[in-house]
Amino acid sequence: MFEKILIANRGEIALRVIRSCRERGLRTVAVHSEIDADALHTRLADEAICIGPADPTRSYLHIPAIIAAAEITGADAVHPGYGFLSENPEFAETCAQCGLEFVGPLPDQMRQWGDKVTARALAKSLGLPTIEGTELLEDVEDAIKKAESLGFPVLLKASGGGGGRGMHILHSKEEVRAVFETARTESRAAFGNDALYFEKFIERPRHIEFQILGDKHGNIHVLGERECSIQRRHQKILEEAPSVALSDEMRSDMSATIRRAMSEVGYISAGTLEFLLDESGELTFLEMNPRIQVEHPVTELVMGIDLIGEQIRIADGQPLELPERPLSPRGHAIECRINAEDPDTFAPSPGMITEFHMAGGTGVRVDSGVFGGGRVPPHYDPLIAKLIVHAPTRVQAIAKMRRALSETIIGGIRTNIPLHRRILAHPAFEEGRFSTRFLDELQA
């Protein structure tokens, strides 16, 4: 077993990894930018080392500084969390070259699944149902030709991206001509890759994702699904498990298909396969994220598994200790992402946190990287806490989340808690009748 793990991240995910390490007797190293010198993850890790200024390209994305920190502190392994370098195959390769175990999938697996066009082709070859789409677009004229062949409306997407950035719904060739170069520029700035492609646009889908774990001994486990349809600007803000939209038969069939597919490619570590569920009830593959997800706690609560702990065990070469038969979800879990942002415009709201009291009680979990008197810097993702509840039924989970939100007090900055209250009070949400357009319609 490792003795010391460096966490190449910040905020709540860094705290989450620290907790799993500490429960296993492992020492931890936190890296931080200058502006994060007093952040909670730097205070709670066994060691902390500054790796650069606030600009993430000069700190949390600066591979030489992170490797140097690992070597200085004598770390055995590196956990990348999510975001930043978590899906960067060059980072994983550099770790290996420097004698550090990367807690995540193999570099080649990141490359396979990181490019969306390649991933869709691979998924199709593995027998997964896929969304109709195009190859990479050469220029605006090629884009118009391929969009017309696919049939409007189409979804223009960045091949090397994610999180909804650079995504555009287009209804005509005039719209393609108007946004193509802008989208290419956005993609280049966000991902260092300006490759674009089209997918067939599905009007009112639900966003369903399946959690997997694979070890170095060829074992693959599919740990149920999460409902992630409540999104703002294509970014998730509320997730739950299991999804009320799937029958037991659909869940079982897709889990078996995923297990066969991921066994064939020998996938290692945690990963998530994302699907769209159309109004006819058909699931089609969207993308695969070769890392831990923000919303992993809802799976942990309904499945009774420490996913971060399993990632560490897998990286250390240990086999998964999960039952042969597929696990069934126990009860229902809901997660609300508490962001430092205006609840109506979603504009970021950085600044000093003057009050910070998170809810508690039976079945309530809080994953957070901030504290009262601390600051939310403007340089990073606005997520400041994840409020997660678990109850025997979905109705009870909704009631518990409403109660937990009412107890949560965060002062000095604006948060999206009022928006979460509106979502939970909406009849369509209560009844499980919603799609990825739910929030657009709620805000209209």
Foldseek 3Di string as FASTA:
>chain_A
DWAEEEELDAKLQLVLLQVLCVVVNHAYEYEDAPQCCVWQSCVPGPYYYYQYHLFCVRGSQPLVSSLVSCVVVVGQAYEHGDPRCQLPQVSCVVCVVSRYQYLFWHSVVSVCFQFQVSVQVLCVVLPFFAFDWDDWADDLVSQQVRDVVVDPFKWKDFRRDDQLWLIDTDGHSVVSVVCLVVSLVRNCVPGVGSIMIITHDADFWWKKKWKWAAAPVLDIAILAMKTFLADDSSHGFKIKPDAPLDDPVRRVVVRVSVRSSCSVVRIHAMKMWMWIQHPVGDTHTRGMGRHDDPPCVNSCQQQVDSRSSSSVCRSVRHDDPDDPDHTDGAFMKMKGFKFQAAQQPRHHWWFAWQDWDFFDDPFKDKRFTHHHRRTGDPNDGRGGMMIMGGDRYPLVNLVVVLVRLVRTDTPDTDINSVVVNLQSPDPCVSVSNHGSCVVVVVSD
